[in-house]
């Protein structure tokens, strides 16, 4: 079962970077409740899409 799960996560570094961005933003919002939540979420979404577009496009497997 673990082998199937690891094969599902094909690009763990990219997923880890995206997760770190979201977790870091959540921690910042928990520390300072006066931060603009909508703007932070929008920035996270845009950055996540850009990182995913670059990081998840790997070599084509034959």
N, C-alpha and C. Protein backbone atom coordinates (compact mmCIF):
# COMPACT_ATOMS: atom_id res chain seq x y z
N UNK A 1 0.82 -1.20 0.00
CA UNK A 1 0.00 0.00 0.00
C UNK A 1 0.87 1.26 0.00
N UNK A 2 1.96 1.23 0.75
CA UNK A 2 2.85 2.39 0.79
C UNK A 2 3.47 2.65 -0.57
N UNK A 3 3.80 1.58 -1.28
CA UNK A 3 4.39 1.72 -2.61
C UNK A 3 3.41 2.41 -3.56
N UNK A 4 2.14 2.05 -3.50
CA UNK A 4 1.13 2.69 -4.34
C UNK A 4 0.98 4.16 -3.99
N UNK A 5 1.06 4.49 -2.70
CA UNK A 5 0.92 5.88 -2.27
C UNK A 5 2.10 6.70 -2.74
N UNK A 6 3.32 6.14 -2.64
CA UNK A 6 4.51 6.86 -3.06
C UNK A 6 4.53 7.05 -4.57
N UNK A 7 3.99 6.11 -5.31
CA UNK A 7 3.91 6.28 -6.76
C UNK A 7 2.89 7.36 -7.12
N UNK A 8 1.87 7.52 -6.28
CA UNK A 8 0.87 8.56 -6.53
C UNK A 8 1.48 9.94 -6.37
N UNK A 9 2.34 10.12 -5.38
CA UNK A 9 3.02 11.39 -5.17
C UNK A 9 4.29 11.36 -6.01
N UNK A 10 4.17 11.80 -7.24
CA UNK A 10 5.27 11.69 -8.19
C UNK A 10 6.29 12.80 -8.01
N UNK A 11 5.87 13.94 -7.58
CA UNK A 11 6.76 15.09 -7.43
C UNK A 11 6.66 15.61 -5.99
N UNK A 12 7.30 14.93 -5.04
CA UNK A 12 7.12 15.32 -3.64
C UNK A 12 7.71 16.68 -3.28
N UNK A 13 8.79 17.10 -3.97
CA UNK A 13 9.38 18.39 -3.64
C UNK A 13 8.45 19.53 -4.00
N UNK A 14 7.82 19.45 -5.14
CA UNK A 14 6.88 20.50 -5.55
C UNK A 14 5.69 20.53 -4.60
N UNK A 15 5.17 19.38 -4.26
CA UNK A 15 4.04 19.33 -3.32
C UNK A 15 4.46 19.85 -1.96
N UNK A 16 5.69 19.56 -1.55
CA UNK A 16 6.18 20.06 -0.27
C UNK A 16 6.33 21.56 -0.23
N UNK A 17 6.78 22.15 -1.32
CA UNK A 17 6.91 23.61 -1.39
C UNK A 17 5.54 24.26 -1.32
N UNK A 18 4.58 23.72 -2.04
CA UNK A 18 3.23 24.28 -2.02
C UNK A 18 2.61 24.14 -0.64
N UNK A 19 2.79 22.99 -0.02
CA UNK A 19 2.27 22.78 1.34
C UNK A 19 2.91 23.73 2.33
N UNK A 20 4.21 23.97 2.19
CA UNK A 20 4.92 24.89 3.08
C UNK A 20 4.39 26.32 2.94
N UNK A 21 4.11 26.72 1.72
CA UNK A 21 3.55 28.06 1.49
C UNK A 21 2.22 28.21 2.21
N UNK A 22 1.33 27.22 2.05
CA UNK A 22 0.01 27.30 2.66
C UNK A 22 0.08 27.21 4.19
N UNK A 23 0.92 26.31 4.69
CA UNK A 23 1.06 26.19 6.15
C UNK A 23 1.68 27.45 6.75
N UNK A 24 2.67 28.01 6.08
CA UNK A 24 3.27 29.25 6.56
C UNK A 24 2.27 30.39 6.60
N UNK A 25 1.45 30.49 5.58
CA UNK A 25 0.42 31.52 5.56
C UNK A 25 -0.60 31.32 6.67
N UNK A 26 -0.96 30.06 6.91
CA UNK A 26 -1.91 29.77 7.99
C UNK A 26 -1.32 30.14 9.34
N UNK A 27 -0.04 29.87 9.53
CA UNK A 27 0.61 30.24 10.79
C UNK A 27 0.66 31.75 10.95
N UNK A 28 1.00 32.46 9.88
CA UNK A 28 1.02 33.92 9.95
C UNK A 28 -0.35 34.50 10.28
N UNK A 29 -1.39 33.93 9.67
CA UNK A 29 -2.75 34.41 9.95
C UNK A 29 -3.18 34.08 11.37
N UNK A 30 -2.68 32.98 11.93
CA UNK A 30 -3.00 32.63 13.31
C UNK A 30 -2.28 33.55 14.29
N UNK A 31 -1.08 33.97 13.95
CA UNK A 31 -0.30 34.85 14.82
C UNK A 31 -0.86 36.27 14.80
N UNK A 32 -1.13 36.77 13.60
CA UNK A 32 -1.61 38.14 13.45
C UNK A 32 -2.99 38.11 12.79
N UNK A 33 -4.01 38.30 13.55
CA UNK A 33 -5.38 38.20 13.03
C UNK A 33 -5.81 39.44 12.24
N UNK A 34 -4.97 40.45 12.17
CA UNK A 34 -5.31 41.66 11.41
C UNK A 34 -4.85 41.60 9.96
N UNK A 35 -4.21 40.51 9.56
CA UNK A 35 -3.76 40.37 8.18
C UNK A 35 -4.95 40.20 7.25
N UNK A 36 -4.84 40.72 6.03
CA UNK A 36 -5.95 40.56 5.06
C UNK A 36 -6.00 39.13 4.53
N UNK A 37 -6.93 38.36 5.03
CA UNK A 37 -7.00 36.93 4.71
C UNK A 37 -7.22 36.69 3.22
N UNK A 38 -8.13 37.45 2.62
CA UNK A 38 -8.45 37.23 1.21
C UNK A 38 -7.23 37.48 0.32
N UNK A 39 -6.48 38.52 0.61
CA UNK A 39 -5.29 38.82 -0.20
C UNK A 39 -4.23 37.73 -0.04
N UNK A 40 -4.05 37.24 1.15
CA UNK A 40 -3.05 36.18 1.38
C UNK A 40 -3.46 34.91 0.64
N UNK A 41 -4.74 34.56 0.70
CA UNK A 41 -5.21 33.35 0.02
C UNK A 41 -5.06 33.52 -1.50
N UNK A 42 -5.37 34.68 -2.01
CA UNK A 42 -5.23 34.91 -3.46
C UNK A 42 -3.77 34.81 -3.89
N UNK A 43 -2.86 35.38 -3.11
CA UNK A 43 -1.43 35.29 -3.42
C UNK A 43 -0.98 33.83 -3.38
N UNK A 44 -1.42 33.10 -2.35
CA UNK A 44 -1.06 31.68 -2.24
C UNK A 44 -1.58 30.89 -3.44
N UNK A 45 -2.78 31.19 -3.88
CA UNK A 45 -3.35 30.48 -5.02
C UNK A 45 -2.54 30.73 -6.29
N UNK A 46 -2.19 31.97 -6.54
CA UNK A 46 -1.44 32.31 -7.75
C UNK A 46 -0.05 31.67 -7.72
N UNK A 47 0.61 31.78 -6.57
CA UNK A 47 1.95 31.21 -6.44
C UNK A 47 1.89 29.69 -6.56
N UNK A 48 0.88 29.07 -5.98
CA UNK A 48 0.74 27.62 -6.06
C UNK A 48 0.53 27.15 -7.50
N UNK A 49 -0.26 27.88 -8.25
CA UNK A 49 -0.49 27.51 -9.66
C UNK A 49 0.80 27.66 -10.46
N UNK A 50 1.55 28.73 -10.20
CA UNK A 50 2.81 28.92 -10.93
C UNK A 50 3.82 27.83 -10.58
N UNK A 51 3.95 27.52 -9.31
CA UNK A 51 4.88 26.48 -8.90
C UNK A 51 4.44 25.12 -9.44
N UNK A 52 3.15 24.86 -9.42
CA UNK A 52 2.64 23.59 -9.94
C UNK A 52 2.88 23.49 -11.44
N UNK A 53 2.70 24.58 -12.16
CA UNK A 53 2.91 24.56 -13.61
C UNK A 53 4.36 24.24 -13.94
N UNK A 54 5.27 24.73 -13.14
CA UNK A 54 6.69 24.48 -13.39
C UNK A 54 7.12 23.13 -12.80
N UNK A 55 6.68 22.85 -11.58
CA UNK A 55 7.19 21.68 -10.87
C UNK A 55 6.54 20.36 -11.24
N UNK A 56 5.29 20.37 -11.65
CA UNK A 56 4.62 19.12 -11.97
C UNK A 56 4.75 18.73 -13.43
N UNK A 57 5.31 19.60 -14.25
CA UNK A 57 5.54 19.23 -15.64
C UNK A 57 6.93 18.63 -15.74
N UNK A 58 6.97 17.34 -15.68
CA UNK A 58 8.25 16.63 -15.75
C UNK A 58 8.48 16.09 -17.13
N UNK A 59 9.47 15.23 -17.21
CA UNK A 59 9.76 14.59 -18.50
C UNK A 59 8.63 13.64 -18.85
N UNK A 60 8.32 13.58 -20.11
CA UNK A 60 7.29 12.67 -20.59
C UNK A 60 7.84 11.25 -20.53
N UNK A 61 7.05 10.35 -19.93
CA UNK A 61 7.47 8.96 -19.84
C UNK A 61 6.96 8.20 -21.05
N UNK A 62 7.81 7.41 -21.62
CA UNK A 62 7.41 6.63 -22.81
C UNK A 62 6.84 5.31 -22.42
